[in-house]
Amino acid sequence: MKKLLIFQIILLQLLFTSCNTPKNQAYNGAIENESASEENVITNSENLTESTESNRRKSIADTYREYMKENSMELDIDNMSIAELMELEKYNTYLIGEQHGISSNKDIKVAFTKYLNQNYDVRYVIEEMGYCDTILLNEFLKTGDKNLIIEYINNNEKSLRYTNETYDYYMELYEYNQNFPEDEQIVLVGIDVQHNWQKGLEIISDLGDNEKEMPELVKNVIEIISSVNPTIDEITLAMDVVDSNPDIFKEYYQNDYVDFYFGLRSIYQCYNFYNTQNYSLREKYLSENFKDMYAEFKIDKCFGMLGEQHVWLNHGSGQYKGLANYLNTEFEPTKNNVISINCVYNNCNYLIPSTGESAEVTNSAFGSTFSDILAENIDTDYGICFSGDLQFENKPLSDKFQYMLCVKNSQAFIIFNETAE
């Protein structure tokens, strides 16, 4: 009886095991099949998404290619007649956006400086440099003293200003100016912070008549700016003293007052910018300087070739609008009167000033999208394309700039060689 009971128990265990094993196998198999099925669905979905995205990009590229084929024009910078089609008469502020350190930028800047002056009476060239630098350069344009331009270039060693292209541009500008009386010649206006503040202090320290009796407040400020390494608090104090007592400083500096004031201000701005590393603040300074210098010099039209983001019509930096955005939307004398032309580069190199080496240009996001396609449609090294109805990232490209200027086959800037002039 006991043996029979043990046998029944063993039999029941065997029956239970035999009944459950297929169920477990079937369940596990179903899970495996379901997972495999899901993987196939996911893989197919990913392939479909990749294919759809690829087709979408191809469609967009075809749209760009077709548009640029119809709307791009070759530009001969030695004969700027094609610029007549750009309706430049509609504007009073002409801006070109560049990526720095590319040799052809100099040729473009020379061509537009002369063309805009000859055809639209544009006398003022705004520069992405501190005001103190333009004190030296404007004096060079008046006198032709090469020591001044060489001093300026040497003041900016290890920068993109320390190049043969810098020397060549201002030499060509000086020679061009000789065709006109002084009151019709081109003038430079530096609207940036004074990046080399030490040299800036030396430049403004030489202003004024040292033999003239100096008021105590002027002495205090001169003492600060003549010191070896003034602190940010000292420069701030000097700026506050000048701002609070303009009549005293105007009386002392006379014709040098404007240069002294804007020079000191650009140094003060430099201290604040580098102390905070706040690029939004720098953009604010560019706009404020433009506004105040526009009024001081009674500028009616101007041209500038600056870093590309400064000239995008819808650009901002932090809480502040970019320069071109501010000028086109807020500053009344230039509101809705700004033309922005953005350079895109194909097969070009730029200078790395810290090492003296060159590297291939990597375009900004939209630049890499357009530069190769635009380059296909021009046989020369320069071409213009109207932004028109083109869309970029679901927005009209014309919100950024009205024209693209394609630059092909340019070498990098060349480190300055004084003996090569």
Foldseek 3Di string as FASTA:
>chain_A
DVVVVVVVVVVVVVVVVVVCPVVVVVVVVVVVVVVVVVVVVVVVVVVVVVVVVVVVLVVLLVVLLVQLLVFKDFADLVDRPVCVVVPLVLFFEEEEADDPFFLCVLSNVLSCVVVCCVPPVAQEEEEQAALLLLVLLQVCLVPVPVVSLVVSLVLDALDSCQFPSVVVSSVSLSVVQVVDPPVSHHGYGYQFAHQSLLVLLVSLLPAFDPVDDADPLRVQLSVQSPDRDHALVSLVVSLVSCVVCVVNQCVGRPVCSVSNNSSSVSSNLNNVCVVVVQVQSRQVSSQVSCLVVCVVVVGLHYYYYYHQQLQFCQAHGPPGRRNNVCQCPPRVSRHVRYAYEYEAEEQTWGANSNVRDIDGDDDPPVSVSNQVSSVVNDPDQKMKGAQPQRDDPNHRPVSTHGMYIYGYDTYGTGRDDVVVD
